C-alpha atoms as a PDB file:
ATOM      1  CA  MET A   1      13.286  58.331  43.324  1.00  0.00           C
ATOM      2  CA  ASP A   2       9.665  59.061  44.184  1.00  0.00           C
ATOM      3  CA  HIS A   3       7.309  60.972  41.880  1.00  0.00           C
ATOM      4  CA  GLU A   4       3.854  62.329  42.373  1.00  0.00           C
ATOM      5  CA  PRO A   5       1.217  60.152  40.721  1.00  0.00           C
ATOM      6  CA  THR A   6      -0.021  63.245  38.836  1.00  0.00           C
ATOM      7  CA  GLN A   7       3.214  63.606  36.884  1.00  0.00           C
ATOM      8  CA  THR A   8       3.119  62.822  33.199  1.00  0.00           C
ATOM      9  CA  VAL A   9       4.921  59.895  31.633  1.00  0.00           C
ATOM     10  CA  SER A  10       7.299  62.288  29.921  1.00  0.00           C
ATOM     11  CA  ALA A  11       8.111  64.172  33.120  1.00  0.00           C
ATOM     12  CA  MET A  12       8.716  61.003  35.133  1.00  0.00           C
ATOM     13  CA  ILE A  13      11.079  59.537  32.529  1.00  0.00           C
ATOM     14  CA  LEU A  14      12.954  62.778  31.829  1.00  0.00           C
ATOM     15  CA  ASP A  15      13.447  63.503  35.545  1.00  0.00           C
ATOM     16  CA  ALA A  16      14.857  60.008  36.045  1.00  0.00           C
ATOM     17  CA  LEU A  17      17.158  60.342  33.006  1.00  0.00           C
ATOM     18  CA  ARG A  18      18.505  63.697  34.251  1.00  0.00           C
ATOM     19  CA  GLY A  19      19.023  62.306  37.736  1.00  0.00           C
ATOM     20  CA  ARG A  20      21.084  59.447  36.322  1.00  0.00           C
ATOM     21  CA  ASN A  21      22.727  61.511  33.608  1.00  0.00           C
ATOM     22  CA  LEU A  22      21.421  59.185  30.917  1.00  0.00           C
ATOM     23  CA  SER A  23      20.299  59.787  27.356  1.00  0.00           C
ATOM     24  CA  ILE A  24      17.593  58.115  25.315  1.00  0.00           C
ATOM     25  CA  GLU A  25      20.325  56.282  23.425  1.00  0.00           C
ATOM     26  CA  LYS A  26      21.851  54.853  26.609  1.00  0.00           C
ATOM     27  CA  LEU A  27      18.412  53.950  27.941  1.00  0.00           C
ATOM     28  CA  SER A  28      17.760  52.078  24.702  1.00  0.00           C
ATOM     29  CA  LEU A  29      20.987  50.117  25.143  1.00  0.00           C
ATOM     30  CA  SER A  30      20.109  49.301  28.753  1.00  0.00           C
ATOM     31  CA  THR A  31      16.515  48.188  28.119  1.00  0.00           C
ATOM     32  CA  GLY A  32      16.761  46.752  24.609  1.00  0.00           C
ATOM     33  CA  ILE A  33      13.838  48.974  23.569  1.00  0.00           C
ATOM     34  CA  SER A  34      14.248  50.892  20.313  1.00  0.00           C
ATOM     35  CA  GLU A  35      14.989  54.614  20.523  1.00  0.00           C
ATOM     36  CA  ARG A  36      11.908  55.237  18.374  1.00  0.00           C
ATOM     37  CA  TYR A  37       9.553  53.812  21.016  1.00  0.00           C
ATOM     38  CA  LEU A  38      11.386  55.501  23.894  1.00  0.00           C
ATOM     39  CA  THR A  39      11.167  58.825  22.065  1.00  0.00           C
ATOM     40  CA  SER A  40       7.426  58.270  21.571  1.00  0.00           C
ATOM     41  CA  LEU A  41       7.030  57.769  25.332  1.00  0.00           C
ATOM     42  CA  VAL A  42       9.010  60.906  26.134  1.00  0.00           C
ATOM     43  CA  ASN A  43       7.229  62.995  23.473  1.00  0.00           C
ATOM     44  CA  GLU A  44       3.886  61.392  24.407  1.00  0.00           C
ATOM     45  CA  THR A  45       3.177  60.467  20.797  1.00  0.00           C
ATOM     46  CA  PHE A  46       1.457  57.330  21.989  1.00  0.00           C
ATOM     47  CA  GLU A  47      -0.166  56.635  18.625  1.00  0.00           C
ATOM     48  CA  LEU A  48       3.268  55.597  17.332  1.00  0.00           C
ATOM     49  CA  LEU A  49       3.627  52.883  19.967  1.00  0.00           C
ATOM     50  CA  PRO A  50       2.801  49.217  19.334  1.00  0.00           C
ATOM     51  CA  ALA A  51      -0.151  47.268  20.768  1.00  0.00           C
ATOM     52  CA  VAL A  52      -0.940  47.737  24.458  1.00  0.00           C
ATOM     53  CA  PRO A  53       0.573  44.418  25.680  1.00  0.00           C
ATOM     54  CA  TYR A  54       3.915  45.402  24.138  1.00  0.00           C
ATOM     55  CA  THR A  55       3.778  49.004  25.339  1.00  0.00           C
ATOM     56  CA  ARG A  56       3.006  47.942  28.911  1.00  0.00           C
ATOM     57  CA  GLY A  57       6.066  45.719  28.843  1.00  0.00           C
ATOM     58  CA  TYR A  58       8.197  48.626  27.616  1.00  0.00           C
ATOM     59  CA  VAL A  59       6.883  50.953  30.341  1.00  0.00           C
ATOM     60  CA  LEU A  60       7.589  48.430  33.090  1.00  0.00           C
ATOM     61  CA  LYS A  61      11.068  47.768  31.688  1.00  0.00           C
ATOM     62  CA  VAL A  62      11.846  51.498  31.636  1.00  0.00           C
ATOM     63  CA  ALA A  63      10.576  51.869  35.203  1.00  0.00           C
ATOM     64  CA  GLU A  64      12.745  48.967  36.377  1.00  0.00           C
ATOM     65  CA  THR A  65      15.858  50.379  34.683  1.00  0.00           C
ATOM     66  CA  LEU A  66      15.304  53.885  36.072  1.00  0.00           C
ATOM     67  CA  SER A  67      14.260  52.670  39.565  1.00  0.00           C
ATOM     68  CA  LEU A  68      10.765  54.100  39.097  1.00  0.00           C
ATOM     69  CA  ASP A  69       7.455  52.761  40.343  1.00  0.00           C
ATOM     70  CA  GLY A  70       6.264  50.702  37.382  1.00  0.00           C
ATOM     71  CA  SER A  71       2.639  50.814  38.519  1.00  0.00           C
ATOM     72  CA  SER A  72       2.646  54.623  38.777  1.00  0.00           C
ATOM     73  CA  LEU A  73       4.336  55.019  35.397  1.00  0.00           C
ATOM     74  CA  TRP A  74       1.820  52.710  33.712  1.00  0.00           C
ATOM     75  CA  GLN A  75      -1.124  54.503  35.392  1.00  0.00           C
ATOM     76  CA  ALA A  76       0.211  57.809  34.082  1.00  0.00           C
ATOM     77  CA  TYR A  77       0.387  56.327  30.580  1.00  0.00           C
ATOM     78  CA  VAL A  78      -3.191  55.025  30.799  1.00  0.00           C
ATOM     79  CA  ARG A  79      -4.408  58.357  32.163  1.00  0.00           C
ATOM     80  CA  GLU A  80      -2.826  60.317  29.317  1.00  0.00           C
ATOM     81  CA  HIS A  81      -3.664  57.864  26.578  1.00  0.00           C
ATOM     82  CA  THR A  82      -7.449  58.290  26.749  1.00  0.00           C
ATOM     83  CA  ASP A  83      -8.194  56.185  23.671  1.00  0.00           C
ATOM     84  CA  ILE A  84      -6.117  53.272  24.900  1.00  0.00           C
ATOM     85  CA  ARG A  85      -7.462  49.955  23.607  1.00  0.00           C
ATOM     86  CA  ARG A  86      -7.845  47.399  26.286  1.00  0.00           C
ATOM     87  CA  SER A  87      -7.781  43.700  25.622  1.00  0.00           C
ATOM     88  CA  GLY A  88     -10.085  42.921  22.761  1.00  0.00           C
ATOM     89  CA  LYS A  89     -10.264  41.398  19.292  1.00  0.00           C
ATOM     90  CA  ARG A  90      -8.027  44.120  17.804  1.00  0.00           C
ATOM     91  CA  ASP A  91      -5.656  44.407  20.744  1.00  0.00           C
ATOM     92  CA  THR A  92      -3.945  41.053  20.973  1.00  0.00           C
ATOM     93  CA  LEU A  93      -0.456  39.758  20.631  1.00  0.00           C
ATOM     94  CA  PRO A  94       0.449  38.356  17.199  1.00  0.00           C
ATOM     95  CA  GLU A  95      -0.469  34.731  16.761  1.00  0.00           C
ATOM     96  CA  ASN A  96       2.268  32.187  17.128  1.00  0.00           C
ATOM     97  CA  ARG A  97       3.144  31.238  13.562  1.00  0.00           C
ATOM     98  CA  PHE A  98       4.015  27.731  14.753  1.00  0.00           C
ATOM     99  CA  THR A  99       0.556  27.225  16.244  1.00  0.00           C
ATOM    100  CA  THR A 100      -1.863  25.320  13.998  1.00  0.00           C
ATOM    101  CA  SER A 101      -4.830  27.547  13.201  1.00  0.00           C
ATOM    102  CA  ARG A 102      -8.394  26.311  13.538  1.00  0.00           C
ATOM    103  CA  TRP A 103      -8.859  26.668   9.777  1.00  0.00           C
ATOM    104  CA  LEU A 104      -5.771  24.556   9.115  1.00  0.00           C
ATOM    105  CA  SER A 105      -6.944  21.942  11.626  1.00  0.00           C
ATOM    106  CA  LYS A 106     -10.280  21.615   9.831  1.00  0.00           C
ATOM    107  CA  ARG A 107      -8.552  21.194   6.478  1.00  0.00           C
ATOM    108  CA  LEU A 108      -6.242  18.582   7.989  1.00  0.00           C
ATOM    109  CA  ILE A 109      -9.200  16.633   9.390  1.00  0.00           C
ATOM    110  CA  ILE A 110     -11.003  16.772   6.027  1.00  0.00           C
ATOM    111  CA  ALA A 111      -7.848  15.585   4.245  1.00  0.00           C
ATOM    112  CA  ILE A 112      -7.488  12.669   6.668  1.00  0.00           C
ATOM    113  CA  VAL A 113     -11.148  11.655   6.203  1.00  0.00           C
ATOM    114  CA  VAL A 114     -10.853  11.835   2.403  1.00  0.00           C
ATOM    115  CA  ALA A 115      -7.631   9.815   2.468  1.00  0.00           C
ATOM    116  CA  ALA A 116      -9.280   7.198   4.708  1.00  0.00           C
ATOM    117  CA  LEU A 117     -12.238   6.906   2.306  1.00  0.00           C
ATOM    118  CA  ILE A 118      -9.914   6.516  -0.679  1.00  0.00           C
ATOM    119  CA  ILE A 119      -7.867   3.846   1.099  1.00  0.00           C
ATOM    120  CA  THR A 120     -11.038   1.986   2.112  1.00  0.00           C
ATOM    121  CA  TYR A 121     -12.316   2.117  -1.476  1.00  0.00           C
ATOM    122  CA  LEU A 122      -9.020   0.818  -2.811  1.00  0.00           C
ATOM    123  CA  ILE A 123      -8.981  -2.037  -0.288  1.00  0.00           C
ATOM    124  CA  VAL A 124     -12.528  -3.038  -1.245  1.00  0.00           C
ATOM    125  CA  ARG A 125     -11.828  -2.701  -4.967  1.00  0.00           C
ATOM    126  CA  LEU A 126      -8.319  -4.173  -4.854  1.00  0.00           C
ATOM    127  CA  PRO A 127      -9.338  -7.678  -5.990  1.00  0.00           C
ATOM    128  CA  ALA A 128     -11.264  -6.167  -8.910  1.00  0.00           C
ATOM    129  CA  ILE A 129      -8.190  -4.163  -9.911  1.00  0.00           C
ATOM    130  CA  THR A 130      -5.313  -6.560  -9.281  1.00  0.00           C
ATOM    131  CA  GLY A 131      -6.910 -10.031  -9.156  1.00  0.00           C
ATOM    132  CA  THR A 132      -7.222 -12.745 -11.795  1.00  0.00           C
ATOM    133  CA  PRO A 133      -9.965 -12.242 -14.401  1.00  0.00           C
ATOM    134  CA  ALA A 134     -12.801 -14.763 -14.567  1.00  0.00           C
ATOM    135  CA  LEU A 135     -13.290 -15.773 -18.213  1.00  0.00           C
ATOM    136  CA  SER A 136     -15.855 -18.305 -19.352  1.00  0.00           C
ATOM    137  CA  VAL A 137     -16.347 -19.321 -22.994  1.00  0.00           C
ATOM    138  CA  THR A 138     -19.742 -20.905 -23.662  1.00  0.00           C
ATOM    139  CA  SER A 139     -19.476 -21.096 -27.447  1.00  0.00           C
ATOM    140  CA  PRO A 140     -17.619 -22.955 -28.825  1.00  0.00           C
ATOM    141  CA  VAL A 141     -17.172 -25.662 -26.214  1.00  0.00           C
ATOM    142  CA  GLY A 142     -15.442 -28.966 -26.895  1.00  0.00           C
ATOM    143  CA  ARG A 143     -14.937 -30.423 -30.378  1.00  0.00           C
ATOM    144  CA  VAL A 144     -17.104 -28.344 -32.685  1.00  0.00           C
ATOM    145  CA  VAL A 145     -17.604 -29.181 -36.365  1.00  0.00           C
ATOM    146  CA  VAL A 146     -19.971 -26.996 -38.374  1.00  0.00           C
ATOM    147  CA  THR A 147     -21.160 -26.843 -41.965  1.00  0.00           C
ATOM    148  CA  ALA A 148     -22.344 -23.202 -41.949  1.00  0.00           C
ATOM    149  CA  PRO A 149     -19.881 -20.443 -42.836  1.00  0.00           C
ATOM    150  CA  SER A 150     -20.780 -18.293 -39.837  1.00  0.00           C
ATOM    151  CA  PHE A 151     -20.547 -18.990 -36.128  1.00  0.00           C
ATOM    152  CA  ILE A 152     -21.475 -17.132 -32.936  1.00  0.00           C
ATOM    153  CA  LEU A 153     -18.855 -16.857 -30.201  1.00  0.00           C
ATOM    154  CA  ALA A 154     -20.187 -16.337 -26.684  1.00  0.00           C
ATOM    155  CA  GLY A 155     -19.082 -16.222 -23.082  1.00  0.00           C
ATOM    156  CA  THR A 156     -18.976 -14.197 -19.872  1.00  0.00           C
ATOM    157  CA  ALA A 157     -16.384 -12.169 -17.958  1.00  0.00           C
ATOM    158  CA  ASP A 158     -16.174  -9.455 -15.318  1.00  0.00           C
ATOM    159  CA  PRO A 159     -17.687  -6.245 -16.795  1.00  0.00           C
ATOM    160  CA  ALA A 160     -14.667  -4.334 -15.436  1.00  0.00           C
ATOM    161  CA  ASP A 161     -12.174  -6.448 -17.367  1.00  0.00           C
ATOM    162  CA  GLU A 162     -10.954  -5.954 -20.912  1.00  0.00           C
ATOM    163  CA  VAL A 163     -11.912  -8.917 -23.110  1.00  0.00           C
ATOM    164  CA  SER A 164     -10.788  -9.609 -26.670  1.00  0.00           C
ATOM    165  CA  VAL A 165     -10.866 -12.411 -29.213  1.00  0.00           C
ATOM    166  CA  ASN A 166      -7.979 -12.679 -31.655  1.00  0.00           C
ATOM    167  CA  ARG A 167      -6.870  -9.231 -30.350  1.00  0.00           C
ATOM    168  CA  GLU A 168     -10.205  -7.604 -31.235  1.00  0.00           C
ATOM    169  CA  LEU A 169     -11.895  -5.992 -28.230  1.00  0.00           C
ATOM    170  CA  LEU A 170     -15.354  -7.254 -27.344  1.00  0.00           C
ATOM    171  CA  ARG A 171     -18.196  -5.198 -25.940  1.00  0.00           C
ATOM    172  CA  LEU A 172     -19.456  -6.636 -22.650  1.00  0.00           C
ATOM    173  CA  GLY A 173     -23.017  -6.351 -21.428  1.00  0.00           C
ATOM    174  CA  PRO A 174     -23.913  -5.108 -17.911  1.00  0.00           C
ATOM    175  CA  ASP A 175     -23.745  -8.720 -16.695  1.00  0.00           C
ATOM    176  CA  GLY A 176     -20.384  -9.300 -18.392  1.00  0.00           C
ATOM    177  CA  SER A 177     -21.766 -11.430 -21.241  1.00  0.00           C
ATOM    178  CA  PHE A 178     -20.484 -11.113 -24.790  1.00  0.00           C
ATOM    179  CA  THR A 179     -21.343 -12.482 -28.242  1.00  0.00           C
ATOM    180  CA  LYS A 180     -19.707 -12.073 -31.641  1.00  0.00           C
ATOM    181  CA  GLN A 181     -20.617 -13.496 -35.020  1.00  0.00           C
ATOM    182  CA  VAL A 182     -17.613 -14.539 -37.110  1.00  0.00           C
ATOM    183  CA  ARG A 183     -17.027 -15.833 -40.629  1.00  0.00           C
ATOM    184  CA  LEU A 184     -15.289 -19.198 -40.848  1.00  0.00           C
ATOM    185  CA  GLU A 185     -12.677 -20.436 -43.262  1.00  0.00           C
ATOM    186  CA  PRO A 186     -12.747 -24.065 -44.404  1.00  0.00           C
ATOM    187  CA  GLY A 187     -10.806 -26.216 -41.952  1.00  0.00           C
ATOM    188  CA  PHE A 188      -9.706 -25.279 -38.457  1.00  0.00           C
ATOM    189  CA  ASN A 189     -10.560 -21.803 -37.168  1.00  0.00           C
ATOM    190  CA  THR A 190      -8.716 -20.848 -33.978  1.00  0.00           C
ATOM    191  CA  PHE A 191     -10.094 -18.260 -31.552  1.00  0.00           C
ATOM    192  CA  VAL A 192      -7.929 -16.901 -28.742  1.00  0.00           C
ATOM    193  CA  PHE A 193      -9.981 -15.257 -25.973  1.00  0.00           C
ATOM    194  CA  GLN A 194      -8.147 -12.920 -23.593  1.00  0.00           C
ATOM    195  CA  ALA A 195      -9.354 -11.214 -20.419  1.00  0.00           C
ATOM    196  CA  LYS A 196      -7.127  -8.615 -18.791  1.00  0.00           C
ATOM    197  CA  ARG A 197      -7.543  -6.858 -15.435  1.00  0.00           C
ATOM    198  CA  PHE A 198      -6.319  -3.284 -15.013  1.00  0.00           C
ATOM    199  CA  LEU A 199      -3.404  -4.049 -12.670  1.00  0.00           C
ATOM    200  CA  GLY A 200      -3.850  -7.800 -12.452  1.00  0.00           C
ATOM    201  CA  ARG A 201      -3.219 -10.875 -14.501  1.00  0.00           C
ATOM    202  CA  GLU A 202      -4.243 -11.861 -18.000  1.00  0.00           C
ATOM    203  CA  VAL A 203      -6.226 -15.027 -18.737  1.00  0.00           C
ATOM    204  CA  THR A 204      -6.113 -16.633 -22.191  1.00  0.00           C
ATOM    205  CA  ARG A 205      -8.424 -19.358 -23.459  1.00  0.00           C
ATOM    206  CA  THR A 206      -8.102 -20.967 -26.902  1.00  0.00           C
ATOM    207  CA  GLU A 207     -10.969 -22.674 -28.732  1.00  0.00           C
ATOM    208  CA  GLN A 208     -11.284 -24.098 -32.259  1.00  0.00           C
ATOM    209  CA  VAL A 209     -14.106 -24.599 -34.712  1.00  0.00           C
ATOM    210  CA  PHE A 210     -13.745 -26.906 -37.740  1.00  0.00           C
ATOM    211  CA  TYR A 211     -15.707 -25.670 -40.719  1.00  0.00           C
ATOM    212  CA  GLN A 212     -16.624 -28.333 -43.293  1.00  0.00           C
ATOM    213  CA  PRO A 213     -18.716 -26.935 -46.157  1.00  0.00           C
ATOM    214  CA  GLU A 214     -21.662 -29.135 -47.078  1.00  0.00           C
ATOM    215  CA  SER A 215     -20.462 -29.449 -50.683  1.00  0.00           C
ATOM    216  CA  SER A 216     -16.999 -30.622 -49.573  1.00  0.00           C
ATOM    217  CA  PRO A 217     -16.104 -34.284 -49.017  1.00  0.00           C
ATOM    218  CA  ALA A 218     -15.700 -35.402 -45.427  1.00  0.00           C
ATOM    219  CA  ALA A 219     -12.361 -34.292 -44.035  1.00  0.00           C
ATOM    220  CA  VAL A 220     -10.163 -35.911 -41.433  1.00  0.00           C
ATOM    221  CA  LEU A 221      -9.350 -33.730 -38.437  1.00  0.00           C
ATOM    222  CA  GLN A 222      -5.564 -33.957 -38.436  1.00  0.00           C
ATOM    223  CA  GLU A 223      -4.616 -30.840 -36.504  1.00  0.00           C
ATOM    224  CA  PRO A 224      -4.370 -31.416 -32.744  1.00  0.00           C
ATOM    225  CA  HIS A 225      -7.422 -30.012 -30.993  1.00  0.00           C
ATOM    226  CA  THR A 226      -6.665 -27.415 -28.271  1.00  0.00           C
ATOM    227  CA  ASN A 227     -10.180 -26.873 -26.912  1.00  0.00           C
ATOM    228  CA  GLY A 228     -10.345 -25.511 -23.393  1.00  0.00           C
ATOM    229  CA  THR A 229      -6.712 -24.384 -23.148  1.00  0.00           C
ATOM    230  CA  GLU A 230      -6.374 -21.665 -20.553  1.00  0.00           C
ATOM    231  CA  THR A 231      -3.257 -19.779 -19.560  1.00  0.00           C
ATOM    232  CA  LYS A 232      -2.585 -17.076 -17.024  1.00  0.00           C
ATOM    233  CA  THR A 233       0.092 -14.454 -17.246  1.00  0.00           C
ATOM    234  CA  GLY A 234       1.107 -11.746 -14.868  1.00  0.00           C
ATOM    235  CA  SER A 235       0.318  -8.116 -15.481  1.00  0.00           C
END
């Protein structure tokens, strides 16, 4: 059925519906377009229609179903809808929700870079976290017999490790050195040094100092000497 190009959208659709003895309801069933949108086309309440890309698809579908010229019907719609919004920032199809947005891509890249830096740091620092502590005791060393009631313990370790003597934590200097003055009891005094790494092993070193007061008679060292004993245990 041919129509003059000056006919309105409403007239073209209604003429075709009457010629085929169809209703808006039946047209909706045939095209899959909601009755609300078809009614808006017939009543020319174009402001109730969706974005232009959708509406154009509806118009062409209606024209195909009613054997109308789709181009003429769309031109009539454009002619009557003077404020029609052509393709632009506000006249686009909805974004695909499965498509990764640019913002999300940037966040993903940043997360990957941060994760790579953390992994690199952990790889570099892994020996310092999980390795075996390096503990060196410089005082006392070997068989030590003293006549003074006080003695200075000394040594070095990794500043990142936890070091203790007889279960008392020691304060390490920036270079890992430590000193501690202790009071001695007459006879053998045993000192157990321990160095522990955060996720690594524990190193233990045992040293002894024999305290013989000057006013006391010479004593015989009967207890076995354990100087320099070092043990390692897992974390």
